[in-house]
Amino acid sequence: MYAIIETGGKQYRVQEGDIIDVELIGADKEIRFDKVLFFNDGAKSHVGLPHLPQCIVHAELIGEIKGPKVIAFKYKPCKNYRRTVGHRQKYSRVKITKIAAA
């Protein structure tokens, strides 16, 4: 049994017990993903138009982590112009506990 959820503008394929990194969520320990796009229970598939209103994915927040550092470097030749900017995106690490479908 698996589902495809949408959060933070991205789509994730999840099963019970999966640990995924999603965009930073300012939430408590319990999280509910109600934007379920697709659900497969092993025998039958359900496709949302665009979402499935009767399907909810429950998860628990494990913690916050930082992604890899991304370096942006600007350079113009013969002008002595150099700029370096670094960025690390913050993510929420969540564990999928239950996929509830009616």
PDB file of N, CA and C in Angstrom:
ATOM      1  N   MET A   1       0.851  -1.172   0.000  1.00  0.00           N
ATOM      2  CA  MET A   1       0.000   0.000   0.000  1.00  0.00           C
ATOM      3  C   MET A   1       0.896   1.235   0.000  1.00  0.00           C
ATOM      4  N   TYR A   2       0.632   2.158  -0.918  1.00  0.00           N
ATOM      5  CA  TYR A   2       1.395   3.396  -0.980  1.00  0.00           C
ATOM      6  C   TYR A   2       0.505   4.525  -1.458  1.00  0.00           C
ATOM      7  N   ALA A   3       1.000   5.752  -1.273  1.00  0.00           N
ATOM      8  CA  ALA A   3       0.263   6.938  -1.687  1.00  0.00           C
ATOM      9  C   ALA A   3       1.257   7.955  -2.230  1.00  0.00           C
ATOM     10  N   ILE A   4       0.740   8.856  -3.047  1.00  0.00           N
ATOM     11  CA  ILE A   4       1.532   9.983  -3.534  1.00  0.00           C
ATOM     12  C   ILE A   4       0.913  11.240  -2.952  1.00  0.00           C
ATOM     13  N   ILE A   5       1.727  11.976  -2.170  1.00  0.00           N
ATOM     14  CA  ILE A   5       1.238  13.174  -1.505  1.00  0.00           C
ATOM     15  C   ILE A   5       1.918  14.400  -2.095  1.00  0.00           C
ATOM     16  N   GLU A   6       1.300  15.553  -1.853  1.00  0.00           N
ATOM     17  CA  GLU A   6       1.873  16.823  -2.289  1.00  0.00           C
ATOM     18  C   GLU A   6       2.061  17.717  -1.076  1.00  0.00           C
ATOM     19  N   THR A   7       3.280  18.214  -0.885  1.00  0.00           N
ATOM     20  CA  THR A   7       3.571  19.158   0.173  1.00  0.00           C
ATOM     21  C   THR A   7       4.763  20.010  -0.238  1.00  0.00           C
ATOM     22  N   GLY A   8       4.677  21.290   0.041  1.00  0.00           N
ATOM     23  CA  GLY A   8       5.767  22.194  -0.301  1.00  0.00           C
ATOM     24  C   GLY A   8       5.988  22.339  -1.796  1.00  0.00           C
ATOM     25  N   GLY A   9       4.956  22.102  -2.610  1.00  0.00           N
ATOM     26  CA  GLY A   9       5.093  22.217  -4.047  1.00  0.00           C
ATOM     27  C   GLY A   9       5.759  21.024  -4.704  1.00  0.00           C
ATOM     28  N   LYS A  10       6.013  19.954  -3.934  1.00  0.00           N
ATOM     29  CA  LYS A  10       6.655  18.762  -4.463  1.00  0.00           C
ATOM     30  C   LYS A  10       5.783  17.544  -4.180  1.00  0.00           C
ATOM     31  N   GLN A  11       6.021  16.469  -4.908  1.00  0.00           N
ATOM     32  CA  GLN A  11       5.255  15.244  -4.739  1.00  0.00           C
ATOM     33  C   GLN A  11       6.173  14.147  -4.218  1.00  0.00           C
ATOM     34  N   TYR A  12       5.655  13.342  -3.291  1.00  0.00           N
ATOM     35  CA  TYR A  12       6.423  12.270  -2.671  1.00  0.00           C
ATOM     36  C   TYR A  12       5.623  10.975  -2.706  1.00  0.00           C
ATOM     37  N   ARG A  13       6.281   9.865  -3.008  1.00  0.00           N
ATOM     38  CA  ARG A  13       5.665   8.539  -2.938  1.00  0.00           C
ATOM     39  C   ARG A  13       6.019   7.972  -1.570  1.00  0.00           C
ATOM     40  N   VAL A  14       4.997   7.663  -0.759  1.00  0.00           N
ATOM     41  CA  VAL A  14       5.230   7.248   0.618  1.00  0.00           C
ATOM     42  C   VAL A  14       4.514   5.937   0.926  1.00  0.00           C
ATOM     43  N   GLN A  15       5.109   5.188   1.855  1.00  0.00           N
ATOM     44  CA  GLN A  15       4.520   3.983   2.429  1.00  0.00           C
ATOM     45  C   GLN A  15       4.601   4.127   3.936  1.00  0.00           C
ATOM     46  N   GLU A  16       3.915   3.249   4.659  1.00  0.00           N
ATOM     47  CA  GLU A  16       4.000   3.286   6.122  1.00  0.00           C
ATOM     48  C   GLU A  16       5.414   2.912   6.539  1.00  0.00           C
ATOM     49  N   GLY A  17       5.978   3.707   7.448  1.00  0.00           N
ATOM     50  CA  GLY A  17       7.329   3.471   7.937  1.00  0.00           C
ATOM     51  C   GLY A  17       8.406   4.246   7.203  1.00  0.00           C
ATOM     52  N   ASP A  18       8.065   4.924   6.105  1.00  0.00           N
ATOM     53  CA  ASP A  18       9.053   5.706   5.361  1.00  0.00           C
ATOM     54  C   ASP A  18       9.455   6.948   6.138  1.00  0.00           C
ATOM     55  N   ILE A  19      10.702   7.351   5.971  1.00  0.00           N
ATOM     56  CA  ILE A  19      11.209   8.598   6.539  1.00  0.00           C
ATOM     57  C   ILE A  19      11.610   9.480   5.358  1.00  0.00           C
ATOM     58  N   ILE A  20      10.975  10.661   5.267  1.00  0.00           N
ATOM     59  CA  ILE A  20      11.229  11.558   4.144  1.00  0.00           C
ATOM     60  C   ILE A  20      11.577  12.949   4.664  1.00  0.00           C
ATOM     61  N   ASP A  21      12.259  13.710   3.823  1.00  0.00           N
ATOM     62  CA  ASP A  21      12.596  15.100   4.120  1.00  0.00           C
ATOM     63  C   ASP A  21      11.724  15.994   3.248  1.00  0.00           C
ATOM     64  N   VAL A  22      10.912  16.835   3.890  1.00  0.00           N
ATOM     65  CA  VAL A  22      10.010  17.736   3.172  1.00  0.00           C
ATOM     66  C   VAL A  22      10.389  19.172   3.511  1.00  0.00           C
ATOM     67  N   GLU A  23       9.813  20.117   2.776  1.00  0.00           N
ATOM     68  CA  GLU A  23      10.045  21.524   3.078  1.00  0.00           C
ATOM     69  C   GLU A  23       9.662  21.810   4.528  1.00  0.00           C
ATOM     70  N   LEU A  24      10.271  22.797   5.124  1.00  0.00           N
ATOM     71  CA  LEU A  24      10.105  23.093   6.542  1.00  0.00           C
ATOM     72  C   LEU A  24       8.636  23.294   6.901  1.00  0.00           C
ATOM     73  N   ILE A  25       8.182  22.527   7.894  1.00  0.00           N
ATOM     74  CA  ILE A  25       6.802  22.589   8.369  1.00  0.00           C
ATOM     75  C   ILE A  25       6.841  23.083   9.810  1.00  0.00           C
ATOM     76  N   GLY A  26       6.144  24.170  10.085  1.00  0.00           N
ATOM     77  CA  GLY A  26       6.064  24.665  11.449  1.00  0.00           C
ATOM     78  C   GLY A  26       4.882  24.025  12.150  1.00  0.00           C
ATOM     79  N   ALA A  27       5.046  22.785  12.581  1.00  0.00           N
ATOM     80  CA  ALA A  27       3.922  22.043  13.149  1.00  0.00           C
ATOM     81  C   ALA A  27       4.361  21.320  14.413  1.00  0.00           C
ATOM     82  N   ASP A  28       3.373  20.708  15.077  1.00  0.00           N
ATOM     83  CA  ASP A  28       3.643  19.908  16.269  1.00  0.00           C
ATOM     84  C   ASP A  28       4.160  18.534  15.844  1.00  0.00           C
ATOM     85  N   LYS A  29       4.138  17.592  16.793  1.00  0.00           N
ATOM     86  CA  LYS A  29       4.636  16.247  16.517  1.00  0.00           C
ATOM     87  C   LYS A  29       3.794  15.517  15.475  1.00  0.00           C
ATOM     88  N   GLU A  30       2.481  15.679  15.526  1.00  0.00           N
ATOM     89  CA  GLU A  30       1.595  14.977  14.595  1.00  0.00           C
ATOM     90  C   GLU A  30       1.313  15.861  13.370  1.00  0.00           C
ATOM     91  N   ILE A  31       1.465  15.277  12.184  1.00  0.00           N
ATOM     92  CA  ILE A  31       1.245  15.989  10.934  1.00  0.00           C
ATOM     93  C   ILE A  31       0.258  15.180  10.097  1.00  0.00           C
ATOM     94  N   ARG A  32      -0.659  15.886   9.435  1.00  0.00           N
ATOM     95  CA  ARG A  32      -1.609  15.240   8.535  1.00  0.00           C
ATOM     96  C   ARG A  32      -1.416  15.818   7.139  1.00  0.00           C
ATOM     97  N   PHE A  33      -1.154  14.956   6.176  1.00  0.00           N
ATOM     98  CA  PHE A  33      -1.068  15.360   4.781  1.00  0.00           C
ATOM     99  C   PHE A  33      -2.401  15.008   4.132  1.00  0.00           C
ATOM    100  N   ASP A  34      -3.201  16.029   3.812  1.00  0.00           N
ATOM    101  CA  ASP A  34      -4.514  15.761   3.236  1.00  0.00           C
ATOM    102  C   ASP A  34      -4.544  15.951   1.723  1.00  0.00           C
ATOM    103  N   LYS A  35      -3.455  16.407   1.135  1.00  0.00           N
ATOM    104  CA  LYS A  35      -3.381  16.531  -0.323  1.00  0.00           C
ATOM    105  C   LYS A  35      -2.796  15.240  -0.897  1.00  0.00           C
ATOM    106  N   VAL A  36      -3.635  14.217  -0.973  1.00  0.00           N
ATOM    107  CA  VAL A  36      -3.234  12.917  -1.499  1.00  0.00           C
ATOM    108  C   VAL A  36      -3.672  12.860  -2.963  1.00  0.00           C
ATOM    109  N   LEU A  37      -2.713  12.669  -3.863  1.00  0.00           N
ATOM    110  CA  LEU A  37      -2.995  12.676  -5.291  1.00  0.00           C
ATOM    111  C   LEU A  37      -3.334  11.290  -5.824  1.00  0.00           C
ATOM    112  N   PHE A  38      -2.753  10.262  -5.212  1.00  0.00           N
ATOM    113  CA  PHE A  38      -2.906   8.892  -5.706  1.00  0.00           C
ATOM    114  C   PHE A  38      -2.802   7.939  -4.529  1.00  0.00           C
ATOM    115  N   PHE A  39      -3.586   6.871  -4.569  1.00  0.00           N
ATOM    116  CA  PHE A  39      -3.564   5.871  -3.501  1.00  0.00           C
ATOM    117  C   PHE A  39      -3.700   4.491  -4.117  1.00  0.00           C
ATOM    118  N   ASN A  40      -2.838   3.567  -3.711  1.00  0.00           N
ATOM    119  CA  ASN A  40      -2.882   2.188  -4.182  1.00  0.00           C
ATOM    120  C   ASN A  40      -2.873   1.285  -2.966  1.00  0.00           C
ATOM    121  N   ASP A  41      -3.912   0.448  -2.833  1.00  0.00           N
ATOM    122  CA  ASP A  41      -4.000  -0.446  -1.680  1.00  0.00           C
ATOM    123  C   ASP A  41      -3.526  -1.855  -1.997  1.00  0.00           C
ATOM    124  N   GLY A  42      -2.898  -2.058  -3.123  1.00  0.00           N
ATOM    125  CA  GLY A  42      -2.402  -3.362  -3.509  1.00  0.00           C
ATOM    126  C   GLY A  42      -3.292  -4.049  -4.520  1.00  0.00           C
ATOM    127  N   ALA A  43      -4.585  -3.821  -4.434  1.00  0.00           N
ATOM    128  CA  ALA A  43      -5.523  -4.437  -5.359  1.00  0.00           C
ATOM    129  C   ALA A  43      -6.133  -3.416  -6.311  1.00  0.00           C
ATOM    130  N   LYS A  44      -6.355  -2.211  -5.827  1.00  0.00           N
ATOM    131  CA  LYS A  44      -7.044  -1.192  -6.616  1.00  0.00           C
ATOM    132  C   LYS A  44      -6.333   0.143  -6.461  1.00  0.00           C
ATOM    133  N   SER A  45      -6.344   0.930  -7.523  1.00  0.00           N
ATOM    134  CA  SER A  45      -5.736   2.262  -7.500  1.00  0.00           C
ATOM    135  C   SER A  45      -6.829   3.319  -7.500  1.00  0.00           C
ATOM    136  N   HIS A  46      -6.575   4.402  -6.781  1.00  0.00           N
ATOM    137  CA  HIS A  46      -7.508   5.520  -6.708  1.00  0.00           C
ATOM    138  C   HIS A  46      -6.754   6.778  -7.121  1.00  0.00           C
ATOM    139  N   VAL A  47      -7.292   7.502  -8.099  1.00  0.00           N
ATOM    140  CA  VAL A  47      -6.658   8.710  -8.611  1.00  0.00           C
ATOM    141  C   VAL A  47      -7.532   9.893  -8.238  1.00  0.00           C
ATOM    142  N   GLY A  48      -6.921  10.938  -7.673  1.00  0.00           N
ATOM    143  CA  GLY A  48      -7.659  12.131  -7.276  1.00  0.00           C
ATOM    144  C   GLY A  48      -7.792  13.120  -8.421  1.00  0.00           C
ATOM    145  N   LEU A  49      -8.829  13.912  -8.361  1.00  0.00           N
ATOM    146  CA  LEU A  49      -9.059  14.947  -9.366  1.00  0.00           C
ATOM    147  C   LEU A  49      -9.240  16.293  -8.706  1.00  0.00           C
ATOM    148  N   PRO A  50      -8.279  17.023  -8.239  1.00  0.00           N
ATOM    149  CA  PRO A  50      -6.865  16.682  -8.191  1.00  0.00           C
ATOM    150  C   PRO A  50      -6.468  15.928  -6.917  1.00  0.00           C
ATOM    151  N   HIS A  51      -7.331  15.954  -5.860  1.00  0.00           N
ATOM    152  CA  HIS A  51      -6.997  15.294  -4.603  1.00  0.00           C
ATOM    153  C   HIS A  51      -8.068  14.274  -4.242  1.00  0.00           C
ATOM    154  N   LEU A  52      -7.680  13.337  -3.357  1.00  0.00           N
ATOM    155  CA  LEU A  52      -8.634  12.366  -2.824  1.00  0.00           C
ATOM    156  C   LEU A  52      -9.130  12.880  -1.476  1.00  0.00           C
ATOM    157  N   PRO A  53     -10.401  13.263  -1.363  1.00  0.00           N
ATOM    158  CA  PRO A  53     -10.874  13.858  -0.104  1.00  0.00           C
ATOM    159  C   PRO A  53     -10.988  12.847   1.037  1.00  0.00           C
ATOM    160  N   GLN A  54     -11.133  11.559   0.757  1.00  0.00           N
ATOM    161  CA  GLN A  54     -11.326  10.573   1.810  1.00  0.00           C
ATOM    162  C   GLN A  54     -10.023   9.927   2.271  1.00  0.00           C
ATOM    163  N   CYS A  55      -8.893  10.332   1.733  1.00  0.00           N
ATOM    164  CA  CYS A  55      -7.610   9.719   2.071  1.00  0.00           C
ATOM    165  C   CYS A  55      -6.721  10.741   2.787  1.00  0.00           C
ATOM    166  N   ILE A  56      -6.143  10.314   3.929  1.00  0.00           N
ATOM    167  CA  ILE A  56      -5.258  11.171   4.720  1.00  0.00           C
ATOM    168  C   ILE A  56      -4.030  10.361   5.111  1.00  0.00           C
ATOM    169  N   VAL A  57      -2.870  10.980   5.016  1.00  0.00           N
ATOM    170  CA  VAL A  57      -1.619  10.349   5.426  1.00  0.00           C
ATOM    171  C   VAL A  57      -1.180  10.986   6.734  1.00  0.00           C
ATOM    172  N   HIS A  58      -0.991  10.163   7.767  1.00  0.00           N
ATOM    173  CA  HIS A  58      -0.566  10.637   9.079  1.00  0.00           C
ATOM    174  C   HIS A  58       0.940  10.426   9.214  1.00  0.00           C
ATOM    175  N   ALA A  59       1.605  11.416   9.826  1.00  0.00           N
ATOM    176  CA  ALA A  59       3.054  11.338  10.012  1.00  0.00           C
ATOM    177  C   ALA A  59       3.413  11.983  11.346  1.00  0.00           C
ATOM    178  N   GLU A  60       4.622  11.685  11.804  1.00  0.00           N
ATOM    179  CA  GLU A  60       5.126  12.329  13.016  1.00  0.00           C
ATOM    180  C   GLU A  60       6.438  13.022  12.693  1.00  0.00           C
ATOM    181  N   LEU A  61       6.632  14.178  13.299  1.00  0.00           N
ATOM    182  CA  LEU A  61       7.817  14.995  13.063  1.00  0.00           C
ATOM    183  C   LEU A  61       8.986  14.425  13.854  1.00  0.00           C
ATOM    184  N   ILE A  62      10.075  14.103  13.172  1.00  0.00           N
ATOM    185  CA  ILE A  62      11.273  13.588  13.836  1.00  0.00           C
ATOM    186  C   ILE A  62      12.182  14.745  14.234  1.00  0.00           C
ATOM    187  N   GLY A  63      12.383  15.696  13.320  1.00  0.00           N
ATOM    188  CA  GLY A  63      13.250  16.835  13.619  1.00  0.00           C
ATOM    189  C   GLY A  63      13.469  17.690  12.389  1.00  0.00           C
ATOM    190  N   GLU A  64      14.299  18.707  12.566  1.00  0.00           N
ATOM    191  CA  GLU A  64      14.658  19.595  11.477  1.00  0.00           C
ATOM    192  C   GLU A  64      16.108  19.346  11.094  1.00  0.00           C
ATOM    193  N   ILE A  65      16.378  19.331   9.804  1.00  0.00           N
ATOM    194  CA  ILE A  65      17.733  19.125   9.317  1.00  0.00           C
ATOM    195  C   ILE A  65      18.054  20.199   8.287  1.00  0.00           C
ATOM    196  N   LYS A  66      19.333  20.286   7.930  1.00  0.00           N
ATOM    197  CA  LYS A  66      19.771  21.201   6.886  1.00  0.00           C
ATOM    198  C   LYS A  66      20.221  20.399   5.680  1.00  0.00           C
ATOM    199  N   GLY A  67      19.901  20.909   4.501  1.00  0.00           N
ATOM    200  CA  GLY A  67      20.304  20.261   3.266  1.00  0.00           C
ATOM    201  C   GLY A  67      21.748  20.594   2.922  1.00  0.00           C
ATOM    202  N   PRO A  68      22.207  20.157   1.770  1.00  0.00           N
ATOM    203  CA  PRO A  68      23.583  20.448   1.367  1.00  0.00           C
ATOM    204  C   PRO A  68      23.768  21.930   1.042  1.00  0.00           C
ATOM    205  N   LYS A  69      24.987  22.400   1.190  1.00  0.00           N
ATOM    206  CA  LYS A  69      25.280  23.794   0.906  1.00  0.00           C
ATOM    207  C   LYS A  69      25.365  24.018  -0.600  1.00  0.00           C
ATOM    208  N   VAL A  70      24.704  25.085  -1.051  1.00  0.00           N
ATOM    209  CA  VAL A  70      24.706  25.458  -2.461  1.00  0.00           C
ATOM    210  C   VAL A  70      25.485  26.761  -2.575  1.00  0.00           C
ATOM    211  N   ILE A  71      26.473  26.783  -3.455  1.00  0.00           N
ATOM    212  CA  ILE A  71      27.328  27.959  -3.632  1.00  0.00           C
ATOM    213  C   ILE A  71      26.946  28.677  -4.921  1.00  0.00           C
ATOM    214  N   ALA A  72      26.713  29.993  -4.829  1.00  0.00           N
ATOM    215  CA  ALA A  72      26.477  30.833  -6.004  1.00  0.00           C
ATOM    216  C   ALA A  72      27.669  31.779  -6.132  1.00  0.00           C
ATOM    217  N   PHE A  73      28.289  31.802  -7.291  1.00  0.00           N
ATOM    218  CA  PHE A  73      29.486  32.614  -7.501  1.00  0.00           C
ATOM    219  C   PHE A  73      29.275  33.493  -8.723  1.00  0.00           C
ATOM    220  N   LYS A  74      29.445  34.812  -8.529  1.00  0.00           N
ATOM    221  CA  LYS A  74      29.346  35.768  -9.625  1.00  0.00           C
ATOM    222  C   LYS A  74      30.751  36.250  -9.954  1.00  0.00           C
ATOM    223  N   TYR A  75      31.021  36.454 -11.243  1.00  0.00           N
ATOM    224  CA  TYR A  75      32.351  36.857 -11.675  1.00  0.00           C
ATOM    225  C   TYR A  75      32.246  37.633 -12.974  1.00  0.00           C
ATOM    226  N   LYS A  76      32.947  38.775 -13.039  1.00  0.00           N
ATOM    227  CA  LYS A  76      33.039  39.541 -14.272  1.00  0.00           C
ATOM    228  C   LYS A  76      34.522  39.738 -14.585  1.00  0.00           C
ATOM    229  N   PRO A  77      34.951  39.307 -15.745  1.00  0.00           N
ATOM    230  CA  PRO A  77      36.376  39.419 -16.069  1.00  0.00           C
ATOM    231  C   PRO A  77      36.816  40.874 -16.267  1.00  0.00           C
ATOM    232  N   CYS A  78      38.029  41.145 -15.925  1.00  0.00           N
ATOM    233  CA  CYS A  78      38.690  42.449 -16.106  1.00  0.00           C
ATOM    234  C   CYS A  78      38.075  43.562 -15.250  1.00  0.00           C
ATOM    235  N   LYS A  79      37.195  43.284 -14.336  1.00  0.00           N
ATOM    236  CA  LYS A  79      36.546  44.309 -13.527  1.00  0.00           C
ATOM    237  C   LYS A  79      36.809  44.120 -12.034  1.00  0.00           C
ATOM    238  N   ASN A  80      37.519  43.083 -11.639  1.00  0.00           N
ATOM    239  CA  ASN A  80      37.813  42.764 -10.242  1.00  0.00           C
ATOM    240  C   ASN A  80      36.513  42.604  -9.432  1.00  0.00           C
ATOM    241  N   TYR A  81      35.545  41.927 -10.032  1.00  0.00           N
ATOM    242  CA  TYR A  81      34.244  41.716  -9.392  1.00  0.00           C
ATOM    243  C   TYR A  81      34.037  40.229  -9.127  1.00  0.00           C
ATOM    244  N   ARG A  82      33.987  39.872  -7.846  1.00  0.00           N
ATOM    245  CA  ARG A  82      33.750  38.487  -7.450  1.00  0.00           C
ATOM    246  C   ARG A  82      32.838  38.483  -6.232  1.00  0.00           C
ATOM    247  N   ARG A  83      31.764  37.704  -6.266  1.00  0.00           N
ATOM    248  CA  ARG A  83      30.849  37.589  -5.132  1.00  0.00           C
ATOM    249  C   ARG A  83      30.525  36.112  -4.918  1.00  0.00           C
ATOM    250  N   THR A  84      30.611  35.679  -3.682  1.00  0.00           N
ATOM    251  CA  THR A  84      30.273  34.311  -3.323  1.00  0.00           C
ATOM    252  C   THR A  84      29.161  34.343  -2.283  1.00  0.00           C
ATOM    253  N   VAL A  85      28.099  33.576  -2.537  1.00  0.00           N
ATOM    254  CA  VAL A  85      26.978  33.480  -1.616  1.00  0.00           C
ATOM    255  C   VAL A  85      26.692  32.001  -1.391  1.00  0.00           C
ATOM    256  N   GLY A  86      26.539  31.610  -0.129  1.00  0.00           N
ATOM    257  CA  GLY A  86      26.196  30.231   0.191  1.00  0.00           C
ATOM    258  C   GLY A  86      24.785  30.156   0.760  1.00  0.00           C
ATOM    259  N   HIS A  87      24.137  29.001   0.590  1.00  0.00           N
ATOM    260  CA  HIS A  87      22.776  28.823   1.093  1.00  0.00           C
ATOM    261  C   HIS A  87      22.594  27.366   1.505  1.00  0.00           C
ATOM    262  N   ARG A  88      21.953  27.148   2.669  1.00  0.00           N
ATOM    263  CA  ARG A  88      21.565  25.806   3.112  1.00  0.00           C
ATOM    264  C   ARG A  88      20.086  25.822   3.440  1.00  0.00           C
ATOM    265  N   GLN A  89      19.316  25.020   2.737  1.00  0.00           N
ATOM    266  CA  GLN A  89      17.878  24.942   2.936  1.00  0.00           C
ATOM    267  C   GLN A  89      17.567  24.089   4.157  1.00  0.00           C
ATOM    268  N   LYS A  90      16.569  24.493   4.928  1.00  0.00           N
ATOM    269  CA  LYS A  90      16.133  23.710   6.084  1.00  0.00           C
ATOM    270  C   LYS A  90      14.978  22.806   5.668  1.00  0.00           C
ATOM    271  N   TYR A  91      15.000  21.574   6.186  1.00  0.00           N
ATOM    272  CA  TYR A  91      13.971  20.592   5.893  1.00  0.00           C
ATOM    273  C   TYR A  91      13.423  20.015   7.191  1.00  0.00           C
ATOM    274  N   SER A  92      12.203  19.494   7.111  1.00  0.00           N
ATOM    275  CA  SER A  92      11.612  18.752   8.229  1.00  0.00           C
ATOM    276  C   SER A  92      11.695  17.276   7.890  1.00  0.00           C
ATOM    277  N   ARG A  93      12.211  16.477   8.813  1.00  0.00           N
ATOM    278  CA  ARG A  93      12.276  15.028   8.614  1.00  0.00           C
ATOM    279  C   ARG A  93      11.047  14.424   9.292  1.00  0.00           C
ATOM    280  N   VAL A  94      10.235  13.707   8.518  1.00  0.00           N
ATOM    281  CA  VAL A  94       8.994  13.127   9.037  1.00  0.00           C
ATOM    282  C   VAL A  94       8.991  11.623   8.777  1.00  0.00           C
ATOM    283  N   LYS A  95       8.289  10.904   9.659  1.00  0.00           N
ATOM    284  CA  LYS A  95       8.103   9.470   9.524  1.00  0.00           C
ATOM    285  C   LYS A  95       6.626   9.204   9.282  1.00  0.00           C
ATOM    286  N   ILE A  96       6.319   8.473   8.214  1.00  0.00           N
ATOM    287  CA  ILE A  96       4.937   8.157   7.866  1.00  0.00           C
ATOM    288  C   ILE A  96       4.463   7.044   8.794  1.00  0.00           C
ATOM    289  N   THR A  97       3.385   7.321   9.541  1.00  0.00           N
ATOM    290  CA  THR A  97       2.885   6.353  10.507  1.00  0.00           C
ATOM    291  C   THR A  97       1.679   5.575   9.993  1.00  0.00           C
ATOM    292  N   LYS A  98       0.790   6.236   9.247  1.00  0.00           N
ATOM    293  CA  LYS A  98      -0.426   5.551   8.807  1.00  0.00           C
ATOM    294  C   LYS A  98      -0.975   6.213   7.564  1.00  0.00           C
ATOM    295  N   ILE A  99      -1.511   5.370   6.664  1.00  0.00           N
ATOM    296  CA  ILE A  99      -2.230   5.866   5.492  1.00  0.00           C
ATOM    297  C   ILE A  99      -3.680   5.436   5.673  1.00  0.00           C
ATOM    298  N   ALA A 100      -4.542   6.421   5.897  1.00  0.00           N
ATOM    299  CA  ALA A 100      -5.958   6.137   6.167  1.00  0.00           C
ATOM    300  C   ALA A 100      -6.787   6.469   4.939  1.00  0.00           C
ATOM    301  N   ALA A 101      -7.496   5.460   4.432  1.00  0.00           N
ATOM    302  CA  ALA A 101      -8.383   5.661   3.291  1.00  0.00           C
ATOM    303  C   ALA A 101      -9.741   5.078   3.608  1.00  0.00           C
ATOM    304  N   ALA A 102     -10.773   5.797   3.223  1.00  0.00           N
ATOM    305  CA  ALA A 102     -12.140   5.320   3.502  1.00  0.00           C
ATOM    306  C   ALA A 102     -12.655   4.459   2.367  1.00  0.00           C
TER     307      ALA A 102
END
